[in-house]
């Protein structure tokens, strides 16, 4: 259903009508409609910052919308507390598993039923039944805080089921699971739908999982619905491809990719010897394996991009190279030397600067003071090379105009220029850029990428992590495609920009899949 109906849903649906949410002037959701019917599996997808978790929070009573209504079975629930939503038939899991660590698995699952109003004795019996049904009965008496990560996620699912939900909302249930565990999840969600008859809404970055499991797909971008339909329709929708890949998307002509992303470097360019060599890099966040033995290299003077879907491990790669997160295995070699064990501040002095995702200026300090802070690790407190400062201000003239202004008063695009300029004042041989286009207007993105192209042409070595695949492919010399913590495709960016195989590497499904081509979920 797409038409609004006086703020009501149809019988036996979970619904949202005209839902908008704003956080301090930032639009998280704008006029979103959604319906979930019993027995339906609905995938909610979209790039970073699309508003997916905010919408789930609205649908479960954790976030009150600024405008619009939510409800169940024509009954409006807007503004009611989360426990009312639970007792009306809502169950959910969270991105971060939230078990009571000091309680047993059985106690955690039992609480899901008690919270719904089930008597203790009956709740405990039902909790055991659910654990047995999910093949978790052997861990019933295990203290939850001792569980490995994958088992924690299964117990969270069991607890949600103990509340007898009519509608089950799963927020990134496959995050951190390996391939075999993700396949088990697909089969289990299909079994849940068949056994309990509940509607299931699933947020998930694993596109192959979503497309194989869901009956319908609802796509958000910047808080707005841009597409709804079957998995095959979502795969073929140019707006969905644009939201994830930017511009026309790989598979378009090279001229189109160039127009969307910026000017490509002259074909005669040849990089110098490897400045960075990553070998078999594995990074874990507790029990979650974020990078799974990846290897890549960057030659001197080269601009290399790393692209991939949400949750692929791209930011983790930059954090590992910068010395902020430690590798669990593998090597990071910079200028021939292993960086293992070097603190982040030493790595900056050695010539690697990171521009992190989200900008992170010092808002109360002036532009000048922010720039001085960038030079400090390499030259000492307050000691800025005047020639380097003049060069940076010539590259970013808006910063010269705003030199005495507080950084917190700059626009998003001006702040992005500031953090790049600040990193350059450390005189890096290798510049790491994490999502420089995130949250910027198209014209500002054009400006930032023009600056990056000029830096590239001047010989700056750059590792670029970027959500906008078109722009990354157009500006870089080579590209690595990262998915689920592993490199699945690499090559010259000019070649990948017109390679139909890119879609399958990026999303996990083939380009322009025909209607009905989505794989069926594994049998329970």
Protein backbone atom coordinates (compact mmCIF):
# COMPACT_ATOMS: atom_id res chain seq x y z
CA UNK A 1 0.00 0.00 0.00
CA UNK A 2 1.35 3.43 -0.86
CA UNK A 3 -1.62 5.75 -0.41
CA UNK A 4 -2.19 7.38 2.96
CA UNK A 5 -5.46 6.45 4.63
CA UNK A 6 -6.44 9.05 7.18
CA UNK A 7 -3.56 8.05 9.42
CA UNK A 8 -4.73 4.41 9.67
CA UNK A 9 -3.41 1.10 8.47
CA UNK A 10 -5.38 -1.83 7.15
CA UNK A 11 -6.53 -4.64 9.41
CA UNK A 12 -3.69 -6.77 10.83
CA UNK A 13 -0.83 -4.53 9.76
CA UNK A 14 1.95 -2.63 11.43
CA UNK A 15 1.87 0.77 9.77
CA UNK A 16 3.53 4.18 9.59
CA UNK A 17 1.91 7.18 7.90
CA UNK A 18 3.68 10.43 7.01
CA UNK A 19 6.39 9.86 9.64
CA UNK A 20 9.04 12.59 9.98
CA UNK A 21 11.83 12.85 12.56
CA UNK A 22 14.37 15.65 12.92
CA UNK A 23 17.41 15.77 15.21
CA UNK A 24 18.69 19.31 15.84
CA UNK A 25 17.74 20.43 12.35
CA UNK A 26 18.94 17.23 10.64
CA UNK A 27 16.24 15.31 8.80
CA UNK A 28 16.34 11.65 9.83
CA UNK A 29 12.95 10.74 8.30
CA UNK A 30 10.68 12.71 6.01
CA UNK A 31 7.06 11.74 5.27
CA UNK A 32 7.64 7.97 5.34
CA UNK A 33 4.81 5.46 4.86
CA UNK A 34 5.30 1.76 5.59
CA UNK A 35 3.11 -1.35 5.97
CA UNK A 36 4.05 -4.78 7.29
CA UNK A 37 1.50 -7.62 7.09
CA UNK A 38 1.51 -10.85 9.09
CA UNK A 39 3.41 -13.58 7.28
CA UNK A 40 5.40 -11.08 5.21
CA UNK A 41 9.17 -10.57 5.28
CA UNK A 42 10.02 -6.96 4.42
CA UNK A 43 13.59 -5.77 3.87
CA UNK A 44 14.41 -2.21 4.92
CA UNK A 45 17.59 -1.08 3.17
CA UNK A 46 19.49 2.09 2.30
CA UNK A 47 22.99 3.60 2.46
CA UNK A 48 24.60 5.10 5.56
CA UNK A 49 22.43 7.71 7.22
CA UNK A 50 19.27 6.67 5.37
CA UNK A 51 17.17 6.59 8.57
CA UNK A 52 16.59 2.84 8.85
CA UNK A 53 17.21 2.43 12.58
CA UNK A 54 15.31 5.65 13.32
CA UNK A 55 12.28 4.22 11.51
CA UNK A 56 12.50 0.98 13.49
CA UNK A 57 12.74 3.02 16.69
CA UNK A 58 9.57 4.87 15.69
CA UNK A 59 7.77 1.62 14.87
CA UNK A 60 8.63 0.17 18.29
CA UNK A 61 7.97 3.22 20.48
CA UNK A 62 11.60 4.10 21.21
CA UNK A 63 11.37 7.33 19.20
CA UNK A 64 8.36 9.63 18.92
CA UNK A 65 7.92 11.11 15.43
CA UNK A 66 7.73 14.88 15.02
CA UNK A 67 4.84 14.37 12.60
CA UNK A 68 2.91 11.36 11.37
CA UNK A 69 1.37 8.32 13.00
CA UNK A 70 2.26 4.71 13.73
CA UNK A 71 -0.02 1.91 14.79
CA UNK A 72 -1.14 -1.69 14.71
CA UNK A 73 -4.42 -3.01 13.27
CA UNK A 74 -5.90 0.47 12.73
CA UNK A 75 -5.13 1.36 16.37
CA UNK A 76 -2.88 4.40 16.60
CA UNK A 77 0.12 3.92 18.91
CA UNK A 78 1.93 7.23 18.33
CA UNK A 79 3.51 8.59 21.51
CA UNK A 80 2.85 5.51 23.63
CA UNK A 81 5.77 3.94 25.56
CA UNK A 82 7.80 1.09 24.11
CA UNK A 83 6.32 -1.50 26.49
CA UNK A 84 2.84 -0.75 25.09
CA UNK A 85 4.15 -1.54 21.61
CA UNK A 86 5.61 -4.81 22.92
CA UNK A 87 2.31 -5.82 24.53
CA UNK A 88 0.47 -4.93 21.32
CA UNK A 89 2.55 -7.47 19.43
CA UNK A 90 5.95 -5.92 18.61
CA UNK A 91 9.23 -7.74 19.14
CA UNK A 92 12.66 -6.52 18.13
CA UNK A 93 16.36 -7.19 18.23
CA UNK A 94 19.08 -4.51 18.27
CA UNK A 95 22.25 -3.75 16.31
CA UNK A 96 24.20 -4.17 19.55
CA UNK A 97 23.07 -7.29 21.43
CA UNK A 98 21.59 -6.22 24.77
CA UNK A 99 21.48 -9.29 26.98
CA UNK A 100 21.65 -9.15 30.77
CA UNK A 101 25.22 -10.40 31.06
CA UNK A 102 24.95 -11.72 34.62
CA UNK A 103 21.82 -13.79 33.95
CA UNK A 104 21.55 -17.18 32.29
CA UNK A 105 20.38 -17.63 28.73
CA UNK A 106 17.12 -19.13 30.00
CA UNK A 107 16.51 -16.17 32.33
CA UNK A 108 17.10 -13.70 29.48
CA UNK A 109 14.63 -15.45 27.21
CA UNK A 110 12.09 -15.85 30.00
CA UNK A 111 12.14 -12.09 30.54
CA UNK A 112 10.92 -11.62 26.97
CA UNK A 113 7.71 -13.46 27.86
CA UNK A 114 7.35 -11.92 31.34
CA UNK A 115 7.58 -8.47 29.79
CA UNK A 116 4.62 -9.35 27.62
CA UNK A 117 2.60 -10.22 30.72
CA UNK A 118 2.97 -14.02 30.73
CA UNK A 119 3.01 -15.65 34.19
CA UNK A 120 6.49 -16.69 35.39
CA UNK A 121 5.92 -20.45 35.31
CA UNK A 122 4.44 -20.40 31.85
CA UNK A 123 7.08 -17.92 30.64
CA UNK A 124 9.88 -20.23 31.73
CA UNK A 125 8.29 -23.23 30.01
CA UNK A 126 7.84 -21.25 26.79
CA UNK A 127 11.41 -19.98 26.99
CA UNK A 128 12.69 -23.56 27.10
CA UNK A 129 10.53 -24.48 24.13
CA UNK A 130 11.87 -21.59 22.06
CA UNK A 131 15.48 -22.38 22.95
CA UNK A 132 14.96 -26.01 21.95
CA UNK A 133 13.27 -24.95 18.70
CA UNK A 134 16.28 -22.76 17.85
CA UNK A 135 18.71 -25.56 18.83
CA UNK A 136 19.92 -23.48 21.78
CA UNK A 137 18.63 -25.71 24.59
CA UNK A 138 22.10 -26.91 25.56
CA UNK A 139 23.11 -23.39 26.61
CA UNK A 140 20.03 -22.62 28.73
CA UNK A 141 22.00 -22.51 31.98
CA UNK A 142 25.01 -20.67 30.50
CA UNK A 143 25.69 -17.19 31.88
CA UNK A 144 24.98 -14.84 28.98
CA UNK A 145 28.09 -12.73 29.54
CA UNK A 146 30.29 -15.73 28.66
CA UNK A 147 28.70 -16.40 25.28
CA UNK A 148 30.55 -15.89 21.99
CA UNK A 149 29.21 -13.11 19.79
CA UNK A 150 27.29 -15.31 17.36
CA UNK A 151 25.46 -17.11 20.18
CA UNK A 152 24.57 -13.77 21.78
CA UNK A 153 22.72 -12.79 18.61
CA UNK A 154 20.75 -16.04 18.59
CA UNK A 155 19.75 -15.57 22.25
CA UNK A 156 18.59 -12.04 21.44
CA UNK A 157 16.38 -13.50 18.72
CA UNK A 158 15.01 -16.12 21.12
CA UNK A 159 14.14 -13.43 23.66
CA UNK A 160 12.26 -11.44 21.02
CA UNK A 161 10.29 -14.56 20.06
CA UNK A 162 9.42 -15.25 23.71
CA UNK A 163 7.20 -12.17 23.65
CA UNK A 164 4.94 -13.92 21.11
CA UNK A 165 5.33 -11.14 18.56
CA UNK A 166 2.90 -10.64 15.73
CA UNK A 167 5.52 -8.39 14.13
CA UNK A 168 9.25 -9.02 14.55
CA UNK A 169 11.75 -6.25 13.73
CA UNK A 170 15.36 -7.36 13.27
CA UNK A 171 18.06 -4.65 13.18
CA UNK A 172 21.16 -5.99 11.37
CA UNK A 173 20.81 -9.57 12.63
CA UNK A 174 23.65 -10.85 10.43
CA UNK A 175 26.21 -8.24 11.57
CA UNK A 176 29.46 -10.02 12.41
CA UNK A 177 28.20 -13.47 11.38
CA UNK A 178 30.28 -15.61 9.07
CA UNK A 179 28.85 -17.01 5.83
CA UNK A 180 27.61 -20.27 7.36
CA UNK A 181 25.95 -18.42 10.25
CA UNK A 182 24.29 -15.99 7.83
CA UNK A 183 22.87 -18.92 5.83
CA UNK A 184 21.52 -20.39 9.06
CA UNK A 185 19.90 -17.03 9.84
CA UNK A 186 18.12 -16.94 6.46
CA UNK A 187 16.69 -20.40 7.05
CA UNK A 188 15.67 -19.54 10.61
CA UNK A 189 13.85 -16.32 9.72
CA UNK A 190 11.89 -18.20 7.06
CA UNK A 191 11.01 -20.85 9.67
CA UNK A 192 9.92 -18.15 12.14
CA UNK A 193 7.56 -16.67 9.58
CA UNK A 194 6.13 -20.08 8.77
CA UNK A 195 5.73 -21.23 12.37
CA UNK A 196 4.59 -18.08 14.11
CA UNK A 197 2.87 -16.35 11.18
CA UNK A 198 4.39 -13.05 12.20
CA UNK A 199 5.41 -10.25 9.88
CA UNK A 200 9.18 -9.74 9.85
CA UNK A 201 10.95 -6.46 9.07
CA UNK A 202 14.69 -6.87 8.61
CA UNK A 203 17.39 -4.18 8.35
CA UNK A 204 20.49 -5.73 6.89
CA UNK A 205 23.59 -4.61 4.96
CA UNK A 206 24.15 -8.07 3.49
CA UNK A 207 22.32 -7.45 0.22
CA UNK A 208 22.55 -11.04 -0.94
CA UNK A 209 20.83 -12.16 2.28
CA UNK A 210 18.11 -9.52 1.96
CA UNK A 211 17.34 -10.30 -1.65
CA UNK A 212 17.18 -14.05 -1.05
CA UNK A 213 14.95 -13.79 2.03
CA UNK A 214 12.47 -10.94 1.61
CA UNK A 215 9.11 -10.78 -0.12
CA UNK A 216 9.30 -6.99 -0.53
CA UNK A 217 12.00 -4.34 -0.24
CA UNK A 218 11.56 -0.79 1.13
CA UNK A 219 14.45 1.54 0.27
CA UNK A 220 15.31 4.73 2.17
CA UNK A 221 17.77 7.47 1.23
CA UNK A 222 18.34 10.58 3.36
CA UNK A 223 15.22 9.74 5.37
CA UNK A 224 12.91 9.45 2.34
CA UNK A 225 11.38 6.45 0.60
CA UNK A 226 12.85 6.13 -2.89
CA UNK A 227 11.57 2.68 -3.87
CA UNK A 228 9.36 -0.22 -2.80
CA UNK A 229 8.80 -3.51 -4.58
CA UNK A 230 9.97 -7.08 -4.99
CA UNK A 231 13.65 -7.96 -4.62
CA UNK A 232 13.97 -8.25 -8.40
CA UNK A 233 12.39 -4.81 -8.85
CA UNK A 234 14.71 -3.28 -6.24
CA UNK A 235 17.77 -4.81 -7.91
CA UNK A 236 16.78 -3.33 -11.27
CA UNK A 237 15.66 0.09 -9.96
CA UNK A 238 18.07 2.83 -11.14
CA UNK A 239 17.22 4.97 -8.10
CA UNK A 240 18.38 2.20 -5.77
CA UNK A 241 21.61 1.82 -7.71
CA UNK A 242 22.13 5.59 -7.65
CA UNK A 243 21.54 5.78 -3.88
CA UNK A 244 24.22 3.18 -3.21
CA UNK A 245 26.67 3.83 -6.01
CA UNK A 246 26.17 7.51 -6.88
CA UNK A 247 25.56 9.04 -10.30
CA UNK A 248 24.83 6.49 -13.02
CA UNK A 249 26.54 3.60 -11.25
CA UNK A 250 29.24 1.30 -12.62
CA UNK A 251 28.17 -0.34 -15.83
CA UNK A 252 27.50 3.07 -17.38
CA UNK A 253 29.87 4.44 -19.99
CA UNK A 254 33.23 5.78 -18.91
CA UNK A 255 32.17 9.24 -20.10
CA UNK A 256 29.15 9.08 -17.79
CA UNK A 257 31.28 7.94 -14.89
CA UNK A 258 33.71 10.78 -15.55
CA UNK A 259 30.89 13.32 -15.60
CA UNK A 260 29.55 12.01 -12.30
CA UNK A 261 32.84 11.77 -10.50
CA UNK A 262 35.44 14.18 -11.82
CA UNK A 263 38.38 14.06 -14.20
CA UNK A 264 40.46 10.92 -14.52
CA UNK A 265 44.23 11.05 -14.37
CA UNK A 266 46.27 10.94 -17.56
CA UNK A 267 46.77 7.38 -18.81
CA UNK A 268 50.56 7.82 -18.83
CA UNK A 269 50.76 7.90 -15.00
CA UNK A 270 52.90 5.18 -13.42
CA UNK A 271 53.04 4.86 -9.60
CA UNK A 272 56.29 4.58 -7.70
CA UNK A 273 57.27 1.71 -5.45
CA UNK A 274 54.79 0.51 -2.85
CA UNK A 275 54.40 3.03 -0.05
CA UNK A 276 51.77 0.93 1.75
CA UNK A 277 51.43 -2.85 1.64
CA UNK A 278 48.73 -4.59 3.65
CA UNK A 279 49.19 -8.35 3.90
CA UNK A 280 46.61 -10.78 5.30
CA UNK A 281 45.11 -8.14 7.59
CA UNK A 282 42.56 -9.38 10.10
CA UNK A 283 40.85 -7.03 12.58
CA UNK A 284 38.42 -8.11 15.28
CA UNK A 285 36.07 -6.10 17.48
CA UNK A 286 35.75 -8.55 20.33
CA UNK A 287 34.24 -11.67 18.76
CA UNK A 288 33.29 -9.85 15.53
CA UNK A 289 35.71 -10.27 12.61
CA UNK A 290 35.61 -6.96 10.73
CA UNK A 291 38.46 -7.67 8.27
CA UNK A 292 39.13 -11.21 7.08
CA UNK A 293 42.71 -11.46 5.87
CA UNK A 294 42.75 -8.69 3.24
CA UNK A 295 45.78 -7.66 1.19
CA UNK A 296 46.26 -4.49 -0.86
CA UNK A 297 48.96 -2.03 -1.88
CA UNK A 298 49.38 1.65 -2.78
CA UNK A 299 52.27 2.94 -4.85
CA UNK A 300 53.88 6.34 -4.29
CA UNK A 301 51.82 9.07 -5.93
CA UNK A 302 48.85 6.75 -6.45
CA UNK A 303 45.22 7.39 -5.47
CA UNK A 304 43.60 4.08 -4.51
CA UNK A 305 39.94 3.81 -3.54
CA UNK A 306 38.25 1.23 -1.33
CA UNK A 307 34.51 0.93 -1.85
CA UNK A 308 31.78 -1.45 -0.75
CA UNK A 309 28.41 -1.63 1.02
CA UNK A 310 27.73 -0.56 4.59
CA UNK A 311 29.46 -2.71 7.16
CA UNK A 312 32.07 -4.00 4.70
CA UNK A 313 35.03 -2.98 6.90
CA UNK A 314 36.21 0.06 4.95
CA UNK A 315 36.56 2.42 7.91
CA UNK A 316 38.19 -0.34 9.94
CA UNK A 317 40.91 -0.54 7.30
CA UNK A 318 41.80 3.15 7.66
CA UNK A 319 41.72 2.90 11.46
CA UNK A 320 44.09 -0.07 11.37
CA UNK A 321 46.54 1.69 9.05
CA UNK A 322 46.43 4.78 11.29
CA UNK A 323 47.22 2.69 14.38
CA UNK A 324 43.86 3.31 16.08
CA UNK A 325 42.68 -0.32 16.08
CA UNK A 326 45.18 -3.19 16.41
CA UNK A 327 45.38 -6.03 13.87
CA UNK A 328 44.61 -9.53 15.10
CA UNK A 329 46.73 -10.99 12.30
CA UNK A 330 48.64 -9.91 9.23
CA UNK A 331 50.99 -7.02 8.54
CA UNK A 332 50.78 -3.35 7.58
CA UNK A 333 54.01 -2.24 5.95
CA UNK A 334 54.66 1.44 5.35
CA UNK A 335 57.72 2.41 3.32
CA UNK A 336 58.98 -1.13 3.88
CA UNK A 337 58.68 -1.07 7.70
CA UNK A 338 56.09 -3.00 9.70
CA UNK A 339 53.77 -0.68 11.63
CA UNK A 340 52.83 -3.36 14.18
CA UNK A 341 52.82 -1.94 17.70
CA UNK A 342 53.46 1.67 16.67
CA UNK A 343 51.18 4.13 18.49
CA UNK A 344 48.97 6.38 16.41
CA UNK A 345 50.91 9.54 17.22
CA UNK A 346 54.14 7.93 16.01
CA UNK A 347 52.43 6.86 12.78
CA UNK A 348 51.38 10.50 12.19
CA UNK A 349 54.99 11.64 12.70
CA UNK A 350 56.11 8.93 10.28
CA UNK A 351 53.97 10.45 7.56
CA UNK A 352 50.43 9.00 7.64
CA UNK A 353 47.46 11.30 8.29
CA UNK A 354 43.84 10.21 8.69
CA UNK A 355 40.78 12.32 7.84
CA UNK A 356 38.09 10.32 9.68
CA UNK A 357 34.46 9.90 8.75
CA UNK A 358 32.29 12.61 10.30
CA UNK A 359 34.83 15.47 10.06
CA UNK A 360 35.58 15.92 13.82
CA UNK A 361 36.71 19.53 13.94
CA UNK A 362 37.36 21.27 17.25
CA UNK A 363 34.18 23.38 17.15
CA UNK A 364 35.13 25.94 19.80
CA UNK A 365 38.53 26.63 18.23
CA UNK A 366 39.06 28.92 15.27
CA UNK A 367 40.03 27.70 11.82
CA UNK A 368 43.56 28.90 12.55
CA UNK A 369 43.73 26.97 15.81
CA UNK A 370 42.40 23.81 14.14
CA UNK A 371 45.10 24.09 11.48
CA UNK A 372 47.81 24.59 14.11
CA UNK A 373 46.57 21.43 15.83
CA UNK A 374 47.12 19.54 12.58
CA UNK A 375 50.73 20.64 12.34
CA UNK A 376 51.54 19.87 15.99
CA UNK A 377 52.19 16.11 15.74
CA UNK A 378 54.82 16.62 13.03
CA UNK A 379 56.46 19.90 14.12
CA UNK A 380 55.68 20.43 17.78
CA UNK A 381 53.17 22.64 19.55
CA UNK A 382 52.42 25.93 17.79
CA UNK A 383 55.16 25.40 15.23
CA UNK A 384 53.57 25.73 11.78
CA UNK A 385 55.60 25.87 8.60
CA UNK A 386 54.55 29.26 7.10
CA UNK A 387 55.09 28.04 3.55
CA UNK A 388 52.99 24.93 4.16
CA UNK A 389 50.24 27.02 5.75
CA UNK A 390 50.21 29.42 2.82
CA UNK A 391 50.00 26.52 0.38
CA UNK A 392 47.06 24.98 2.28
CA UNK A 393 45.18 28.28 2.37
CA UNK A 394 45.77 28.71 -1.35
CA UNK A 395 44.30 25.24 -1.93
CA UNK A 396 41.32 25.95 0.35
CA UNK A 397 40.62 29.69 -0.09
CA UNK A 398 37.39 29.55 1.94
CA UNK A 399 39.50 28.75 5.02
CA UNK A 400 41.47 31.94 4.52
CA UNK A 401 38.19 33.86 4.52
CA UNK A 402 37.05 32.05 7.69
CA UNK A 403 40.48 32.04 9.35
CA UNK A 404 39.36 33.72 12.61
CA UNK A 405 35.93 32.05 12.72
CA UNK A 406 35.02 29.23 15.09
CA UNK A 407 35.15 25.91 13.28
CA UNK A 408 31.78 24.95 14.71
CA UNK A 409 30.16 27.78 12.73
CA UNK A 410 31.41 26.49 9.37
CA UNK A 411 29.13 24.67 6.96
CA UNK A 412 29.56 20.92 6.48
CA UNK A 413 31.49 21.43 3.26
CA UNK A 414 33.75 24.04 4.87
CA UNK A 415 34.43 21.72 7.80
CA UNK A 416 35.34 18.92 5.38
CA UNK A 417 37.85 21.22 3.70
CA UNK A 418 39.21 22.16 7.12
CA UNK A 419 39.88 18.58 8.23
CA UNK A 420 41.62 17.78 4.94
CA UNK A 421 43.73 20.95 5.24
CA UNK A 422 44.51 20.14 8.87
CA UNK A 423 45.73 16.68 7.90
CA UNK A 424 47.91 18.09 5.11
CA UNK A 425 49.73 20.38 7.55
CA UNK A 426 51.26 17.27 9.11
CA UNK A 427 52.95 16.89 5.69
CA UNK A 428 51.84 13.29 5.15
CA UNK A 429 53.33 11.04 2.54
CA UNK A 430 50.12 9.00 2.77
CA UNK A 431 46.71 10.61 3.30
CA UNK A 432 43.81 8.41 4.45
CA UNK A 433 40.36 9.84 3.62
CA UNK A 434 37.27 8.18 5.08
CA UNK A 435 33.97 9.12 3.38
CA UNK A 436 34.77 12.75 2.47
CA UNK A 437 31.47 13.19 0.61
CA UNK A 438 29.21 11.93 3.42
CA UNK A 439 26.43 14.39 4.22
CA UNK A 440 27.49 17.04 1.70
CA UNK A 441 25.41 18.72 -1.00
CA UNK A 442 26.23 17.70 -4.60
CA UNK A 443 27.89 21.01 -5.51
CA UNK A 444 30.06 20.82 -2.40
CA UNK A 445 31.00 17.24 -3.24
CA UNK A 446 32.08 18.47 -6.68
CA UNK A 447 34.36 21.02 -5.00
CA UNK A 448 35.88 18.48 -2.58
CA UNK A 449 36.59 15.99 -5.36
CA UNK A 450 38.10 18.68 -7.56
CA UNK A 451 40.48 19.47 -4.70
CA UNK A 452 41.32 15.77 -4.32
CA UNK A 453 42.02 15.53 -8.07
CA UNK A 454 44.43 18.46 -7.84
CA UNK A 455 46.16 16.89 -4.81
CA UNK A 456 46.44 13.62 -6.73
CA UNK A 457 47.92 15.38 -9.77
CA UNK A 458 50.44 17.11 -7.51
CA UNK A 459 51.74 13.72 -6.37
CA UNK A 460 49.97 13.19 -3.04
CA UNK A 461 49.52 9.50 -2.22
CA UNK A 462 45.92 8.88 -1.13
CA UNK A 463 43.85 5.98 0.18
CA UNK A 464 40.21 6.97 -0.35
CA UNK A 465 37.29 5.23 1.36
CA UNK A 466 34.14 6.54 -0.29
CA UNK A 467 30.44 5.66 -0.31
CA UNK A 468 29.89 7.25 -3.72
CA UNK A 469 31.26 4.54 -6.01
CA UNK A 470 30.98 6.57 -9.21
CA UNK A 471 33.09 9.40 -7.85
CA UNK A 472 35.65 7.06 -6.30
CA UNK A 473 36.07 5.11 -9.55
CA UNK A 474 36.36 8.30 -11.60
CA UNK A 475 39.07 9.91 -9.50
CA UNK A 476 41.19 6.92 -8.46
CA UNK A 477 43.87 4.94 -10.26
CA UNK A 478 42.93 1.55 -8.81
CA UNK A 479 40.00 0.29 -6.73
CA UNK A 480 39.41 -2.51 -4.25
CA UNK A 481 35.83 -3.67 -3.61
CA UNK A 482 35.32 -4.79 -0.03
CA UNK A 483 32.33 -6.85 1.09
CA UNK A 484 31.81 -8.54 4.48
CA UNK A 485 35.40 -7.87 5.47
CA UNK A 486 36.96 -9.44 2.37
CA UNK A 487 38.23 -8.08 -0.95
CA UNK A 488 35.98 -9.50 -3.67
CA UNK A 489 37.18 -7.51 -6.69
CA UNK A 490 40.06 -5.22 -7.58
CA UNK A 491 41.57 -3.61 -10.65
CA UNK A 492 42.11 -0.42 -12.59
CA UNK A 493 39.31 2.00 -11.74
CA UNK A 494 38.70 2.86 -15.40
CA UNK A 495 38.04 -0.82 -16.10
CA UNK A 496 35.80 -1.42 -13.07
CA UNK A 497 33.74 1.68 -13.91
CA UNK A 498 32.37 -0.07 -17.01
CA UNK A 499 32.50 -3.68 -15.79
CA UNK A 500 29.06 -5.31 -15.28
CA UNK A 501 30.70 -7.72 -12.81
CA UNK A 502 31.09 -4.80 -10.39
CA UNK A 503 27.46 -5.05 -9.27
CA UNK A 504 27.78 -8.68 -8.27
CA UNK A 505 30.97 -7.92 -6.35
CA UNK A 506 29.49 -4.88 -4.58
CA UNK A 507 25.99 -6.18 -3.79
CA UNK A 508 26.39 -9.94 -4.04
CA UNK A 509 23.88 -10.29 -6.87
CA UNK A 510 24.18 -9.95 -10.64
CA UNK A 511 23.46 -6.71 -12.49
CA UNK A 512 19.96 -6.35 -13.94
CA UNK A 513 18.69 -9.59 -12.43
CA UNK A 514 15.49 -10.60 -14.22
CA UNK A 515 12.15 -10.52 -12.45
CA UNK A 516 11.78 -13.47 -10.09
CA UNK A 517 15.52 -14.19 -10.16
CA UNK A 518 16.10 -13.64 -6.44
CA UNK A 519 17.28 -16.87 -4.86
CA UNK A 520 14.88 -18.74 -2.62
CA UNK A 521 15.69 -18.99 1.08
CA UNK A 522 17.30 -22.28 2.11
CA UNK A 523 14.83 -24.87 3.33
CA UNK A 524 14.50 -25.14 7.09
